[in-house]
Amino acid sequence: MIRQIFSAIALSTTLTLYLISPTLAQDPFRATNQRPIGEKTEAAFRAMFEQGDYISADRYLKAISGNEQQEPLAYAMRASLAYVLNEDYNSLGNYGKKTLDTARQLTSTDPLRGNLYSAVGHFLLGASALFREGTVKGTPQALAELRQVYEYMDKAEAISSTDPELNLLRGYMDLMVSVNLPFSNPEQAIGRLQRFAGPKYLSERGVAVGYRDLKKFPQAIEAVDRAMKASNSNPELYYLKGQILSTYGNQQKSAAMLQESVKNFDLAIAKKDQLPPDLVKQIERERRKAAQRLSVVAQQK
């Protein structure tokens, strides 16, 4: 169970971690009270999460220099890329430590983000220990780190409970934990993402995932469509919509929904060169499953 939780949160961290004017680097989370996150860090964030381009994100992050070397978001994304691109658990831990170190330095000038990324750093260290050492040996450190995660999250929330960056990260984290733990309620995480989190293409994506897991498929489709309206270039959004339509279409025995599902999977696969190889294989598997469902439903008509 603990490994499932950390695997889920690792994905959510990746999810929460677009192209911009080369002369103006803006905070991707906030419309007001923006932070100086840095040009290449923001470009990497937008490449990964707005465009679903992991390869370009990796290139941007490898090119950071100067003040951006003190930005914890950059190291959190490098840790995430090490995990999703290469399953490199040593680099996951090393960049987790860099995330924590830079977050601690940031706390004196920006306590909100300093505490927030201290939480992220502790999570990455726990995930690295769990994946590197295995469930039996790694669980004690993972649990200790997880306690630190929520301690620092609570400190950040005490500073600004409505901050978009905080609510995006915590919303995804709470959502993934609620899916993996019995008696947890994902509705609270969905509400956090809807009310306070930003940017919209990521908050609505999280809402869609939450409703998908609750099997509230019409609401899930509405949320993923809102995410696509905010960013229609990300193949992962087409993958998510394909997933939702495949399950819902099979439930409703709807050939039209299943056809739309296959179409969305194909749109995602068309951009496979910018996605992690394991993710591409997963999309292709689910596309084949949707096509099989469509064939069965069509024969029943």
Protein backbone atom coordinates (compact mmCIF):
# COMPACT_ATOMS: atom_id res chain seq x y z
CA MET A 1 0.00 0.00 0.00
CA ILE A 2 2.73 2.51 0.94
CA ARG A 3 4.51 1.84 -2.38
CA GLN A 4 1.25 2.48 -4.27
CA ILE A 5 0.79 5.77 -2.44
CA PHE A 6 4.31 6.96 -3.22
CA SER A 7 4.02 5.84 -6.84
CA ALA A 8 0.77 7.78 -7.14
CA ILE A 9 2.15 10.90 -5.50
CA ALA A 10 5.30 10.66 -7.64
CA LEU A 11 3.06 10.84 -10.68
CA SER A 12 1.08 13.69 -9.17
CA THR A 13 4.30 15.55 -8.35
CA THR A 14 5.36 15.06 -11.91
CA LEU A 15 1.98 16.34 -12.90
CA THR A 16 2.24 19.46 -10.90
CA LEU A 17 5.78 20.25 -11.73
CA TYR A 18 4.69 26.05 -21.00
CA LEU A 19 6.44 28.28 -24.70
CA ILE A 20 7.01 31.80 -23.40
CA SER A 21 8.46 35.11 -24.57
CA PRO A 22 12.26 34.82 -24.29
CA THR A 23 12.43 38.25 -22.73
CA LEU A 24 9.73 37.86 -20.07
CA ALA A 25 9.62 34.93 -17.68
CA GLN A 26 6.35 34.90 -15.74
CA ASP A 27 5.10 32.92 -12.80
CA PRO A 28 3.01 30.05 -14.32
CA PHE A 29 0.83 29.76 -11.19
CA ARG A 30 -0.20 33.30 -10.23
CA ALA A 31 -1.75 36.24 -12.07
CA THR A 32 -0.83 38.56 -9.17
CA ASN A 33 1.99 38.62 -6.63
CA GLN A 34 4.15 36.67 -9.08
CA ARG A 35 7.41 35.05 -8.08
CA PRO A 36 10.68 35.31 -10.10
CA ILE A 37 10.75 31.61 -10.98
CA GLY A 38 13.11 32.02 -13.93
CA GLU A 39 12.90 31.87 -17.70
CA LYS A 40 14.17 28.34 -18.36
CA THR A 41 12.39 26.89 -15.33
CA GLU A 42 9.09 28.31 -16.51
CA ALA A 43 9.77 27.19 -20.07
CA ALA A 44 10.38 23.66 -18.78
CA PHE A 45 7.19 23.78 -16.70
CA ARG A 46 5.14 24.91 -19.68
CA ALA A 47 6.78 22.39 -22.01
CA MET A 48 6.01 19.52 -19.66
CA PHE A 49 2.53 20.39 -18.47
CA GLU A 50 0.97 22.70 -21.06
CA GLN A 51 2.43 20.96 -24.11
CA GLY A 52 3.20 17.48 -22.75
CA ASP A 53 6.72 17.74 -24.18
CA TYR A 54 9.00 15.97 -21.71
CA ILE A 55 12.01 16.02 -24.04
CA SER A 56 12.01 19.80 -24.40
CA ALA A 57 11.40 20.19 -20.66
CA ASP A 58 14.48 18.10 -19.94
CA ARG A 59 16.55 20.22 -22.33
CA TYR A 60 15.43 23.48 -20.71
CA LEU A 61 16.23 22.21 -17.22
CA LYS A 62 19.72 21.07 -18.19
CA ALA A 63 20.42 24.61 -19.42
CA ILE A 64 19.55 26.50 -16.22
CA SER A 65 22.24 28.77 -14.81
CA GLY A 66 22.72 31.78 -12.54
CA ASN A 67 19.91 32.57 -10.12
CA GLU A 68 17.76 29.75 -11.49
CA GLN A 69 20.12 27.30 -9.81
CA GLN A 70 18.46 28.40 -6.55
CA GLU A 71 14.91 27.61 -7.76
CA PRO A 72 13.56 24.45 -6.06
CA LEU A 73 10.89 23.89 -8.72
CA ALA A 74 13.67 23.26 -11.25
CA TYR A 75 15.16 20.45 -9.14
CA ALA A 76 11.73 18.98 -8.38
CA MET A 77 11.07 18.73 -12.12
CA ARG A 78 14.51 17.22 -12.74
CA ALA A 79 13.74 14.60 -10.10
CA SER A 80 10.39 13.90 -11.75
CA LEU A 81 11.97 13.54 -15.18
CA ALA A 82 14.61 11.17 -13.81
CA TYR A 83 11.74 9.05 -12.50
CA VAL A 84 9.43 9.08 -15.53
CA LEU A 85 12.04 9.03 -18.32
CA ASN A 86 14.65 6.65 -16.91
CA GLU A 87 13.43 5.18 -13.60
CA ASP A 88 16.67 6.60 -12.20
CA TYR A 89 16.05 6.37 -8.47
CA ASN A 90 19.49 7.64 -7.48
CA SER A 91 18.94 10.87 -9.44
CA LEU A 92 15.44 11.05 -7.99
CA GLY A 93 17.02 11.13 -4.54
CA ASN A 94 19.85 13.49 -5.48
CA TYR A 95 17.51 16.04 -7.03
CA GLY A 96 15.16 15.56 -4.11
CA LYS A 97 17.98 16.64 -1.80
CA LYS A 98 18.71 19.65 -4.04
CA THR A 99 15.00 20.53 -3.94
CA LEU A 100 15.07 20.43 -0.14
CA ASP A 101 18.34 22.38 0.15
CA THR A 102 17.21 25.20 -2.14
CA ALA A 103 13.77 25.27 -0.51
CA ARG A 104 15.36 25.80 2.90
CA GLN A 105 17.39 28.71 1.52
CA LEU A 106 14.26 30.18 -0.06
CA THR A 107 12.30 30.08 3.20
CA SER A 108 13.91 33.24 4.56
CA THR A 109 12.69 35.36 1.61
CA ASP A 110 9.58 33.41 0.51
CA PRO A 111 8.34 31.24 3.39
CA LEU A 112 5.30 30.04 1.43
CA ARG A 113 7.27 28.50 -1.41
CA GLY A 114 10.15 27.54 0.87
CA ASN A 115 7.87 25.42 3.03
CA LEU A 116 5.98 24.10 0.01
CA TYR A 117 9.12 22.81 -1.71
CA SER A 118 10.53 21.53 1.56
CA ALA A 119 7.47 19.26 1.51
CA VAL A 120 8.19 18.28 -2.09
CA GLY A 121 11.86 17.61 -1.27
CA HIS A 122 10.98 15.31 1.61
CA PHE A 123 8.51 13.47 -0.58
CA LEU A 124 11.13 12.92 -3.29
CA LEU A 125 13.61 11.58 -0.72
CA GLY A 126 11.01 9.18 0.62
CA ALA A 127 10.05 8.00 -2.85
CA SER A 128 13.72 7.46 -3.75
CA ALA A 129 14.32 5.37 -0.61
CA LEU A 130 11.22 3.28 -1.25
CA PHE A 131 12.00 2.58 -4.90
CA ARG A 132 15.73 2.07 -4.32
CA GLU A 133 15.55 -0.09 -1.18
CA GLY A 134 12.27 -1.87 -1.81
CA THR A 135 9.13 -1.94 0.28
CA VAL A 136 10.51 -3.77 3.34
CA LYS A 137 13.69 -1.73 3.80
CA GLY A 138 12.45 1.55 2.35
CA THR A 139 9.09 1.90 4.12
CA PRO A 140 10.38 3.25 7.48
CA GLN A 141 12.23 6.15 5.80
CA ALA A 142 9.36 6.70 3.38
CA LEU A 143 6.87 7.04 6.23
CA ALA A 144 9.18 9.38 8.13
CA GLU A 145 9.55 11.56 5.05
CA LEU A 146 5.79 11.49 4.44
CA ARG A 147 5.20 12.91 7.92
CA GLN A 148 7.56 15.75 7.03
CA VAL A 149 5.72 16.31 3.77
CA TYR A 150 2.46 17.07 5.55
CA GLU A 151 4.18 19.09 8.28
CA TYR A 152 5.67 21.47 5.71
CA MET A 153 2.48 21.50 3.62
CA ASP A 154 0.59 22.62 6.71
CA LYS A 155 3.13 25.39 7.34
CA ALA A 156 2.75 26.64 3.77
CA GLU A 157 -1.04 26.53 4.00
CA ALA A 158 -0.96 28.52 7.23
CA ILE A 159 0.78 31.33 5.32
CA SER A 160 -1.67 31.43 2.38
CA SER A 161 -4.46 28.88 2.19
CA THR A 162 -5.64 30.14 -1.23
CA ASP A 163 -2.28 30.20 -3.04
CA PRO A 164 -2.64 28.57 -6.51
CA GLU A 165 0.72 26.76 -6.47
CA LEU A 166 0.12 25.33 -3.00
CA ASN A 167 -3.40 24.18 -3.85
CA LEU A 168 -2.30 22.62 -7.13
CA LEU A 169 0.39 20.51 -5.47
CA ARG A 170 -1.64 19.63 -2.40
CA GLY A 171 -4.78 19.01 -4.44
CA TYR A 172 -3.03 16.45 -6.64
CA MET A 173 -1.32 14.86 -3.66
CA ASP A 174 -4.52 14.56 -1.64
CA LEU A 175 -6.35 13.25 -4.70
CA MET A 176 -3.85 10.46 -5.32
CA VAL A 177 -3.69 9.49 -1.65
CA SER A 178 -7.50 9.35 -1.46
CA VAL A 179 -7.59 6.93 -4.38
CA ASN A 180 -5.10 4.58 -2.67
CA LEU A 181 -6.39 4.74 0.91
CA PRO A 182 -9.78 3.38 2.04
CA PHE A 183 -12.22 5.75 3.74
CA SER A 184 -10.60 8.79 2.08
CA ASN A 185 -12.74 11.30 0.22
CA PRO A 186 -11.45 12.66 -3.10
CA GLU A 187 -14.23 15.25 -3.20
CA GLN A 188 -12.24 17.54 -0.88
CA ALA A 189 -9.21 17.39 -3.19
CA ILE A 190 -11.44 18.07 -6.20
CA GLY A 191 -12.92 21.10 -4.44
CA ARG A 192 -9.44 22.44 -3.61
CA LEU A 193 -8.39 22.14 -7.26
CA GLN A 194 -11.58 23.79 -8.51
CA ARG A 195 -11.57 26.74 -6.11
CA PHE A 196 -7.96 27.76 -5.68
CA ALA A 197 -5.44 25.89 -7.88
CA GLY A 198 -3.76 27.16 -11.02
CA PRO A 199 -2.94 27.11 -13.87
CA LYS A 200 -6.32 26.06 -15.22
CA TYR A 201 -5.07 23.40 -17.63
CA LEU A 202 -3.56 21.52 -14.67
CA SER A 203 -6.26 22.12 -12.07
CA GLU A 204 -9.03 20.99 -14.44
CA ARG A 205 -6.94 17.99 -15.43
CA GLY A 206 -6.78 16.98 -11.78
CA VAL A 207 -10.53 17.47 -11.44
CA ALA A 208 -11.06 15.21 -14.46
CA VAL A 209 -8.85 12.51 -12.91
CA GLY A 210 -10.78 12.75 -9.65
CA TYR A 211 -14.16 12.39 -11.32
CA ARG A 212 -12.80 9.56 -13.49
CA ASP A 213 -11.75 7.65 -10.38
CA LEU A 214 -15.14 8.33 -8.77
CA LYS A 215 -16.72 6.96 -11.96
CA LYS A 216 -18.57 10.25 -12.49
CA PHE A 217 -17.83 10.18 -16.18
CA PRO A 218 -19.97 13.08 -17.48
CA GLN A 219 -18.31 15.43 -14.95
CA ALA A 220 -14.91 14.00 -15.88
CA ILE A 221 -15.53 14.72 -19.59
CA GLU A 222 -16.62 18.28 -18.79
CA ALA A 223 -13.45 18.87 -16.74
CA VAL A 224 -11.05 17.47 -19.35
CA ASP A 225 -12.78 19.57 -22.02
CA ARG A 226 -12.17 22.67 -19.87
CA ALA A 227 -8.51 21.68 -19.53
CA MET A 228 -8.27 21.27 -23.31
CA LYS A 229 -9.82 24.68 -23.79
CA ALA A 230 -6.99 26.12 -21.71
CA SER A 231 -4.36 24.06 -23.56
CA ASN A 232 -5.26 21.95 -26.58
CA SER A 233 -1.69 20.93 -27.51
CA ASN A 234 -0.99 18.44 -24.70
CA PRO A 235 -1.22 14.78 -25.82
CA GLU A 236 -1.75 13.67 -22.21
CA LEU A 237 -5.10 15.46 -22.17
CA TYR A 238 -6.18 13.49 -25.26
CA TYR A 239 -4.98 10.34 -23.51
CA LEU A 240 -7.03 11.19 -20.42
CA LYS A 241 -10.14 11.92 -22.47
CA GLY A 242 -9.60 8.66 -24.36
CA GLN A 243 -9.46 6.77 -21.05
CA ILE A 244 -12.66 8.34 -19.76
CA LEU A 245 -14.58 7.79 -23.00
CA SER A 246 -13.37 4.19 -23.30
CA THR A 247 -14.65 3.25 -19.84
CA TYR A 248 -17.86 5.27 -20.08
CA GLY A 249 -18.55 4.17 -23.65
CA ASN A 250 -18.12 0.53 -22.67
CA GLN A 251 -20.44 1.03 -19.70
CA GLN A 252 -23.09 2.66 -21.89
CA LYS A 253 -22.49 0.34 -24.87
CA SER A 254 -22.00 3.47 -26.97
CA ALA A 255 -20.18 2.96 -30.27
CA ALA A 256 -20.01 6.74 -30.77
CA MET A 257 -18.17 7.29 -27.47
CA LEU A 258 -15.82 4.39 -28.15
CA GLN A 259 -15.04 5.78 -31.61
CA GLU A 260 -14.29 9.14 -30.00
CA SER A 261 -12.10 7.37 -27.46
CA VAL A 262 -9.99 5.72 -30.18
CA LYS A 263 -9.70 9.09 -31.95
CA ASN A 264 -8.36 10.73 -28.79
CA PHE A 265 -5.85 7.93 -28.19
CA ASP A 266 -4.64 8.38 -31.78
CA LEU A 267 -4.20 12.13 -31.23
CA ALA A 268 -2.07 11.38 -28.18
CA ILE A 269 0.01 8.76 -29.99
CA ALA A 270 0.66 11.21 -32.84
CA LYS A 271 2.93 13.10 -30.42
CA LYS A 272 4.63 10.04 -28.96
CA ASP A 273 8.13 11.37 -29.68
CA GLN A 274 7.76 13.94 -26.90
CA LEU A 275 6.40 11.53 -24.27
CA PRO A 276 8.11 9.02 -21.94
CA PRO A 277 8.41 5.61 -23.68
CA ASP A 278 6.54 3.72 -20.93
CA LEU A 279 3.66 6.19 -21.16
CA VAL A 280 3.47 5.69 -24.94
CA LYS A 281 3.25 1.91 -24.44
CA GLN A 282 0.45 2.40 -21.93
CA ILE A 283 -1.49 4.67 -24.31
CA GLU A 284 -1.08 2.14 -27.12
CA ARG A 285 -2.34 -0.67 -24.87
CA GLU A 286 -5.39 1.32 -23.87
CA ARG A 287 -6.04 2.29 -27.48
CA ARG A 288 -6.09 -1.40 -28.45
CA LYS A 289 -8.49 -2.12 -25.58
CA ALA A 290 -10.81 0.69 -26.69
CA ALA A 291 -10.76 -0.62 -30.27
CA GLN A 292 -11.66 -4.11 -29.01
CA ARG A 293 -14.53 -2.69 -26.99
CA LEU A 294 -15.74 -0.80 -30.06
CA SER A 295 -15.67 -4.00 -32.14
CA VAL A 296 -17.72 -5.88 -29.56
CA VAL A 297 -20.31 -3.10 -29.21
CA ALA A 298 -20.57 -2.69 -33.00
CA GLN A 299 -21.27 -6.42 -33.39
CA GLN A 300 -24.06 -6.20 -30.82
CA LYS A 301 -25.89 -3.49 -32.75
